[in-house]
PDB file of N, CA and C in Angstrom:
ATOM      1  N   MET A   1      -3.258  10.922 -13.781  1.00  0.00           N
ATOM      2  CA  MET A   1      -3.497  10.117 -14.951  1.00  0.00           C
ATOM      3  C   MET A   1      -4.941   9.628 -14.897  1.00  0.00           C
ATOM      4  N   SER A   2      -5.540   9.467 -16.042  1.00  0.00           N
ATOM      5  CA  SER A   2      -6.936   9.034 -16.104  1.00  0.00           C
ATOM      6  C   SER A   2      -7.070   7.594 -15.621  1.00  0.00           C
ATOM      7  N   HIS A   3      -8.274   7.228 -15.212  1.00  0.00           N
ATOM      8  CA  HIS A   3      -8.474   5.844 -14.752  1.00  0.00           C
ATOM      9  C   HIS A   3      -8.289   4.865 -15.904  1.00  0.00           C
ATOM     10  N   GLU A   4      -8.590   5.276 -17.148  1.00  0.00           N
ATOM     11  CA  GLU A   4      -8.385   4.392 -18.297  1.00  0.00           C
ATOM     12  C   GLU A   4      -6.899   4.093 -18.495  1.00  0.00           C
ATOM     13  N   ARG A   5      -6.085   5.138 -18.411  1.00  0.00           N
ATOM     14  CA  ARG A   5      -4.639   4.941 -18.584  1.00  0.00           C
ATOM     15  C   ARG A   5      -4.051   4.146 -17.421  1.00  0.00           C
ATOM     16  N   LEU A   6      -4.487   4.442 -16.214  1.00  0.00           N
ATOM     17  CA  LEU A   6      -4.010   3.705 -15.045  1.00  0.00           C
ATOM     18  C   LEU A   6      -4.329   2.225 -15.181  1.00  0.00           C
ATOM     19  N   THR A   7      -5.536   1.901 -15.600  1.00  0.00           N
ATOM     20  CA  THR A   7      -5.930   0.500 -15.798  1.00  0.00           C
ATOM     21  C   THR A   7      -5.057  -0.162 -16.855  1.00  0.00           C
ATOM     22  N   ALA A   8      -4.834   0.531 -17.966  1.00  0.00           N
ATOM     23  CA  ALA A   8      -4.012  -0.016 -19.041  1.00  0.00           C
ATOM     24  C   ALA A   8      -2.562  -0.226 -18.591  1.00  0.00           C
ATOM     25  N   GLU A   9      -2.020   0.735 -17.860  1.00  0.00           N
ATOM     26  CA  GLU A   9      -0.636   0.648 -17.390  1.00  0.00           C
ATOM     27  C   GLU A   9      -0.446  -0.495 -16.401  1.00  0.00           C
ATOM     28  N   LEU A  10      -1.484  -0.793 -15.631  1.00  0.00           N
ATOM     29  CA  LEU A  10      -1.362  -1.810 -14.574  1.00  0.00           C
ATOM     30  C   LEU A  10      -2.026  -3.131 -14.956  1.00  0.00           C
ATOM     31  N   ASP A  11      -2.113  -3.416 -16.250  1.00  0.00           N
ATOM     32  CA  ASP A  11      -2.638  -4.715 -16.680  1.00  0.00           C
ATOM     33  C   ASP A  11      -1.854  -5.854 -16.037  1.00  0.00           C
ATOM     34  N   GLU A  12      -0.564  -5.636 -15.861  1.00  0.00           N
ATOM     35  CA  GLU A  12       0.308  -6.599 -15.200  1.00  0.00           C
ATOM     36  C   GLU A  12       0.956  -5.897 -14.006  1.00  0.00           C
ATOM     37  N   ASP A  13       1.411  -6.693 -13.030  1.00  0.00           N
ATOM     38  CA  ASP A  13       2.132  -6.102 -11.908  1.00  0.00           C
ATOM     39  C   ASP A  13       3.430  -5.483 -12.431  1.00  0.00           C
ATOM     40  N   HIS A  14       3.860  -4.402 -11.813  1.00  0.00           N
ATOM     41  CA  HIS A  14       5.094  -3.724 -12.212  1.00  0.00           C
ATOM     42  C   HIS A  14       6.067  -3.725 -11.048  1.00  0.00           C
ATOM     43  N   VAL A  15       7.326  -4.030 -11.353  1.00  0.00           N
ATOM     44  CA  VAL A  15       8.394  -4.010 -10.359  1.00  0.00           C
ATOM     45  C   VAL A  15       9.507  -3.130 -10.914  1.00  0.00           C
ATOM     46  N   TYR A  16       9.944  -2.159 -10.120  1.00  0.00           N
ATOM     47  CA  TYR A  16      10.984  -1.219 -10.519  1.00  0.00           C
ATOM     48  C   TYR A  16      12.074  -1.212  -9.466  1.00  0.00           C
ATOM     49  N   GLU A  17      13.288  -0.912  -9.912  1.00  0.00           N
ATOM     50  CA  GLU A  17      14.364  -0.636  -8.969  1.00  0.00           C
ATOM     51  C   GLU A  17      14.713   0.839  -9.139  1.00  0.00           C
ATOM     52  N   VAL A  18      14.718   1.562  -8.033  1.00  0.00           N
ATOM     53  CA  VAL A  18      15.027   2.983  -8.073  1.00  0.00           C
ATOM     54  C   VAL A  18      16.150   3.282  -7.095  1.00  0.00           C
ATOM     55  N   ALA A  19      16.905   4.334  -7.370  1.00  0.00           N
ATOM     56  CA  ALA A  19      17.979   4.769  -6.481  1.00  0.00           C
ATOM     57  C   ALA A  19      17.582   6.090  -5.840  1.00  0.00           C
ATOM     58  N   PHE A  20      17.832   6.186  -4.545  1.00  0.00           N
ATOM     59  CA  PHE A  20      17.561   7.412  -3.800  1.00  0.00           C
ATOM     60  C   PHE A  20      18.639   7.565  -2.744  1.00  0.00           C
ATOM     61  N   GLU A  21      19.322   8.687  -2.780  1.00  0.00           N
ATOM     62  CA  GLU A  21      20.400   8.962  -1.831  1.00  0.00           C
ATOM     63  C   GLU A  21      21.386   7.802  -1.755  1.00  0.00           C
ATOM     64  N   SER A  22      21.841   7.345  -2.912  1.00  0.00           N
ATOM     65  CA  SER A  22      22.850   6.275  -3.061  1.00  0.00           C
ATOM     66  C   SER A  22      22.381   4.913  -2.563  1.00  0.00           C
ATOM     67  N   ARG A  23      21.094   4.723  -2.337  1.00  0.00           N
ATOM     68  CA  ARG A  23      20.566   3.410  -1.935  1.00  0.00           C
ATOM     69  C   ARG A  23      19.570   2.943  -2.977  1.00  0.00           C
ATOM     70  N   LYS A  24      19.499   1.642  -3.188  1.00  0.00           N
ATOM     71  CA  LYS A  24      18.569   1.076  -4.159  1.00  0.00           C
ATOM     72  C   LYS A  24      17.348   0.507  -3.443  1.00  0.00           C
ATOM     73  N   TYR A  25      16.195   0.725  -4.056  1.00  0.00           N
ATOM     74  CA  TYR A  25      14.928   0.241  -3.508  1.00  0.00           C
ATOM     75  C   TYR A  25      14.138  -0.467  -4.598  1.00  0.00           C
ATOM     76  N   GLN A  26      13.395  -1.470  -4.195  1.00  0.00           N
ATOM     77  CA  GLN A  26      12.493  -2.157  -5.108  1.00  0.00           C
ATOM     78  C   GLN A  26      11.086  -1.639  -4.860  1.00  0.00           C
ATOM     79  N   VAL A  27      10.417  -1.201  -5.912  1.00  0.00           N
ATOM     80  CA  VAL A  27       9.062  -0.666  -5.835  1.00  0.00           C
ATOM     81  C   VAL A  27       8.155  -1.585  -6.650  1.00  0.00           C
ATOM     82  N   GLU A  28       7.074  -2.040  -6.032  1.00  0.00           N
ATOM     83  CA  GLU A  28       6.116  -2.904  -6.724  1.00  0.00           C
ATOM     84  C   GLU A  28       4.740  -2.250  -6.734  1.00  0.00           C
ATOM     85  N   LEU A  29       4.113  -2.232  -7.897  1.00  0.00           N
ATOM     86  CA  LEU A  29       2.753  -1.718  -8.061  1.00  0.00           C
ATOM     87  C   LEU A  29       1.865  -2.886  -8.459  1.00  0.00           C
ATOM     88  N   GLU A  30       0.757  -3.033  -7.773  1.00  0.00           N
ATOM     89  CA  GLU A  30      -0.164  -4.133  -8.056  1.00  0.00           C
ATOM     90  C   GLU A  30      -1.592  -3.609  -8.148  1.00  0.00           C
ATOM     91  N   HIS A  31      -2.264  -3.995  -9.198  1.00  0.00           N
ATOM     92  CA  HIS A  31      -3.651  -3.628  -9.448  1.00  0.00           C
ATOM     93  C   HIS A  31      -4.527  -4.600  -8.638  1.00  0.00           C
ATOM     94  N   LEU A  32      -5.141  -4.138  -7.554  1.00  0.00           N
ATOM     95  CA  LEU A  32      -5.911  -5.014  -6.680  1.00  0.00           C
ATOM     96  C   LEU A  32      -7.330  -5.256  -7.175  1.00  0.00           C
ATOM     97  N   GLU A  33      -8.016  -4.198  -7.585  1.00  0.00           N
ATOM     98  CA  GLU A  33      -9.381  -4.372  -8.085  1.00  0.00           C
ATOM     99  C   GLU A  33      -9.743  -3.249  -9.042  1.00  0.00           C
ATOM    100  N   ASN A  34     -10.673  -3.572  -9.930  1.00  0.00           N
ATOM    101  CA  ASN A  34     -11.176  -2.609 -10.899  1.00  0.00           C
ATOM    102  C   ASN A  34     -12.690  -2.810 -10.956  1.00  0.00           C
ATOM    103  N   THR A  35     -13.419  -1.948 -10.275  1.00  0.00           N
ATOM    104  CA  THR A  35     -14.875  -2.046 -10.251  1.00  0.00           C
ATOM    105  C   THR A  35     -15.461  -0.982 -11.171  1.00  0.00           C
ATOM    106  N   GLY A  36     -16.744  -0.928 -11.258  1.00  0.00           N
ATOM    107  CA  GLY A  36     -17.398   0.104 -12.042  1.00  0.00           C
ATOM    108  C   GLY A  36     -17.194   1.494 -11.460  1.00  0.00           C
ATOM    109  N   ARG A  37     -16.833   1.568 -10.192  1.00  0.00           N
ATOM    110  CA  ARG A  37     -16.707   2.863  -9.507  1.00  0.00           C
ATOM    111  C   ARG A  37     -15.275   3.299  -9.223  1.00  0.00           C
ATOM    112  N   HIS A  38     -14.345   2.330  -9.088  1.00  0.00           N
ATOM    113  CA  HIS A  38     -12.983   2.725  -8.731  1.00  0.00           C
ATOM    114  C   HIS A  38     -11.948   1.685  -9.156  1.00  0.00           C
ATOM    115  N   ILE A  39     -10.689   2.119  -9.078  1.00  0.00           N
ATOM    116  CA  ILE A  39      -9.521   1.252  -9.272  1.00  0.00           C
ATOM    117  C   ILE A  39      -8.737   1.296  -7.960  1.00  0.00           C
ATOM    118  N   HIS A  40      -8.315   0.132  -7.463  1.00  0.00           N
ATOM    119  CA  HIS A  40      -7.577   0.045  -6.202  1.00  0.00           C
ATOM    120  C   HIS A  40      -6.177  -0.488  -6.518  1.00  0.00           C
ATOM    121  N   VAL A  41      -5.144   0.259  -6.122  1.00  0.00           N
ATOM    122  CA  VAL A  41      -3.758  -0.072  -6.428  1.00  0.00           C
ATOM    123  C   VAL A  41      -2.961  -0.103  -5.126  1.00  0.00           C
ATOM    124  N   THR A  42      -2.052  -1.067  -5.010  1.00  0.00           N
ATOM    125  CA  THR A  42      -1.154  -1.114  -3.861  1.00  0.00           C
ATOM    126  C   THR A  42       0.276  -0.847  -4.332  1.00  0.00           C
ATOM    127  N   VAL A  43       1.044  -0.185  -3.455  1.00  0.00           N
ATOM    128  CA  VAL A  43       2.442   0.152  -3.723  1.00  0.00           C
ATOM    129  C   VAL A  43       3.262  -0.383  -2.554  1.00  0.00           C
ATOM    130  N   SER A  44       4.311  -1.165  -2.862  1.00  0.00           N
ATOM    131  CA  SER A  44       5.193  -1.716  -1.829  1.00  0.00           C
ATOM    132  C   SER A  44       6.626  -1.310  -2.133  1.00  0.00           C
ATOM    133  N   VAL A  45       7.385  -0.991  -1.079  1.00  0.00           N
ATOM    134  CA  VAL A  45       8.779  -0.571  -1.235  1.00  0.00           C
ATOM    135  C   VAL A  45       9.631  -1.301  -0.212  1.00  0.00           C
ATOM    136  N   ASP A  46      10.774  -1.834  -0.686  1.00  0.00           N
ATOM    137  CA  ASP A  46      11.741  -2.424   0.242  1.00  0.00           C
ATOM    138  C   ASP A  46      13.141  -2.225  -0.306  1.00  0.00           C
ATOM    139  N   ASP A  47      14.132  -2.461   0.563  1.00  0.00           N
ATOM    140  CA  ASP A  47      15.530  -2.265   0.162  1.00  0.00           C
ATOM    141  C   ASP A  47      16.221  -3.574  -0.188  1.00  0.00           C
ATOM    142  N   GLY A  48      15.481  -4.662  -0.242  1.00  0.00           N
ATOM    143  CA  GLY A  48      16.054  -5.950  -0.601  1.00  0.00           C
ATOM    144  C   GLY A  48      16.694  -6.695   0.543  1.00  0.00           C
ATOM    145  N   GLY A  49      16.816  -6.062   1.700  1.00  0.00           N
ATOM    146  CA  GLY A  49      17.435  -6.710   2.852  1.00  0.00           C
ATOM    147  C   GLY A  49      16.400  -7.279   3.804  1.00  0.00           C
ATOM    148  N   LEU A  50      16.866  -8.125   4.691  1.00  0.00           N
ATOM    149  CA  LEU A  50      15.989  -8.687   5.717  1.00  0.00           C
ATOM    150  C   LEU A  50      15.951  -7.736   6.897  1.00  0.00           C
ATOM    151  N   PRO A  51      14.908  -7.582   7.606  1.00  0.00           N
ATOM    152  CA  PRO A  51      13.583  -8.187   7.469  1.00  0.00           C
ATOM    153  C   PRO A  51      12.631  -7.383   6.587  1.00  0.00           C
ATOM    154  N   VAL A  52      13.114  -6.242   6.049  1.00  0.00           N
ATOM    155  CA  VAL A  52      12.225  -5.351   5.296  1.00  0.00           C
ATOM    156  C   VAL A  52      11.636  -6.028   4.071  1.00  0.00           C
ATOM    157  N   SER A  53      12.401  -6.887   3.384  1.00  0.00           N
ATOM    158  CA  SER A  53      11.879  -7.528   2.183  1.00  0.00           C
ATOM    159  C   SER A  53      10.772  -8.534   2.503  1.00  0.00           C
ATOM    160  N   ILE A  54      10.736  -9.021   3.739  1.00  0.00           N
ATOM    161  CA  ILE A  54       9.661  -9.938   4.147  1.00  0.00           C
ATOM    162  C   ILE A  54       8.374  -9.156   4.398  1.00  0.00           C
ATOM    163  N   ARG A  55       8.524  -7.980   4.968  1.00  0.00           N
ATOM    164  CA  ARG A  55       7.364  -7.131   5.263  1.00  0.00           C
ATOM    165  C   ARG A  55       7.665  -5.701   4.798  1.00  0.00           C
ATOM    166  N   PRO A  56       7.514  -5.456   3.479  1.00  0.00           N
ATOM    167  CA  PRO A  56       7.867  -4.139   2.939  1.00  0.00           C
ATOM    168  C   PRO A  56       6.895  -3.053   3.380  1.00  0.00           C
ATOM    169  N   LEU A  57       7.346  -1.807   3.239  1.00  0.00           N
ATOM    170  CA  LEU A  57       6.479  -0.664   3.466  1.00  0.00           C
ATOM    171  C   LEU A  57       5.426  -0.691   2.362  1.00  0.00           C
ATOM    172  N   THR A  58       4.156  -0.713   2.749  1.00  0.00           N
ATOM    173  CA  THR A  58       3.075  -0.883   1.777  1.00  0.00           C
ATOM    174  C   THR A  58       1.962   0.108   2.053  1.00  0.00           C
ATOM    175  N   ASP A  59       1.412   0.630   0.974  1.00  0.00           N
ATOM    176  CA  ASP A  59       0.255   1.512   1.050  1.00  0.00           C
ATOM    177  C   ASP A  59      -0.581   1.271  -0.193  1.00  0.00           C
ATOM    178  N   SER A  60      -1.787   1.782  -0.199  1.00  0.00           N
ATOM    179  CA  SER A  60      -2.629   1.632  -1.383  1.00  0.00           C
ATOM    180  C   SER A  60      -3.420   2.915  -1.600  1.00  0.00           C
ATOM    181  N   PHE A  61      -3.936   3.040  -2.801  1.00  0.00           N
ATOM    182  CA  PHE A  61      -4.795   4.179  -3.098  1.00  0.00           C
ATOM    183  C   PHE A  61      -5.936   3.732  -3.984  1.00  0.00           C
ATOM    184  N   ILE A  62      -7.014   4.480  -3.927  1.00  0.00           N
ATOM    185  CA  ILE A  62      -8.195   4.220  -4.733  1.00  0.00           C
ATOM    186  C   ILE A  62      -8.403   5.401  -5.659  1.00  0.00           C
ATOM    187  N   ARG A  63      -8.523   5.112  -6.940  1.00  0.00           N
ATOM    188  CA  ARG A  63      -8.787   6.153  -7.947  1.00  0.00           C
ATOM    189  C   ARG A  63     -10.240   6.011  -8.368  1.00  0.00           C
ATOM    190  N   ASN A  64     -11.084   6.958  -7.958  1.00  0.00           N
ATOM    191  CA  ASN A  64     -12.494   6.928  -8.313  1.00  0.00           C
ATOM    192  C   ASN A  64     -12.678   7.205  -9.794  1.00  0.00           C
ATOM    193  N   LYS A  65     -13.605   6.482 -10.419  1.00  0.00           N
ATOM    194  CA  LYS A  65     -13.912   6.693 -11.827  1.00  0.00           C
ATOM    195  C   LYS A  65     -14.970   7.770 -12.002  1.00  0.00           C
ATOM    196  N   GLU A  66     -15.893   7.860 -11.087  1.00  0.00           N
ATOM    197  CA  GLU A  66     -16.959   8.845 -11.187  1.00  0.00           C
ATOM    198  C   GLU A  66     -16.407  10.247 -10.993  1.00  0.00           C
ATOM    199  N   ASN A  67     -16.883  11.162 -11.793  1.00  0.00           N
ATOM    200  CA  ASN A  67     -16.461  12.555 -11.733  1.00  0.00           C
ATOM    201  C   ASN A  67     -14.970  12.746 -11.887  1.00  0.00           C
ATOM    202  N   ALA A  68     -14.323  11.766 -12.508  1.00  0.00           N
ATOM    203  CA  ALA A  68     -12.876  11.871 -12.725  1.00  0.00           C
ATOM    204  C   ALA A  68     -12.599  12.807 -13.885  1.00  0.00           C
ATOM    205  N   ARG A  69     -11.582  13.610 -13.713  1.00  0.00           N
ATOM    206  CA  ARG A  69     -11.157  14.505 -14.776  1.00  0.00           C
ATOM    207  C   ARG A  69     -10.433  13.683 -15.826  1.00  0.00           C
ATOM    208  N   THR A  70     -10.739  13.867 -17.079  1.00  0.00           N
ATOM    209  CA  THR A  70     -10.094  13.096 -18.138  1.00  0.00           C
ATOM    210  C   THR A  70      -8.708  13.640 -18.409  1.00  0.00           C
ATOM    211  N   GLU A  71      -7.818  12.739 -18.835  1.00  0.00           N
ATOM    212  CA  GLU A  71      -6.431  13.109 -19.117  1.00  0.00           C
ATOM    213  C   GLU A  71      -6.377  13.923 -20.401  1.00  0.00           C
ATOM    214  N   ARG A  72      -5.490  14.888 -20.455  1.00  0.00           N
ATOM    215  CA  ARG A  72      -5.330  15.724 -21.654  1.00  0.00           C
ATOM    216  C   ARG A  72      -4.076  15.377 -22.374  1.00  0.00           C
TER     217      ARG A  72
END
């Protein structure tokens, strides 16, 4: 997805509940920063139980704006 669409989609934090192999997980997407060069997004996943919900599995990615292919 283009950086413009990603920025628009993540204007607010997003929280989803998804099912995988008969288990439910909470997925959170958070827009950390939007600079002239990149967008930084974090993704967190937990199953709602302790202790995982206190310290969920978390990763982030950076989407560079420069030389980015535009969405079709």
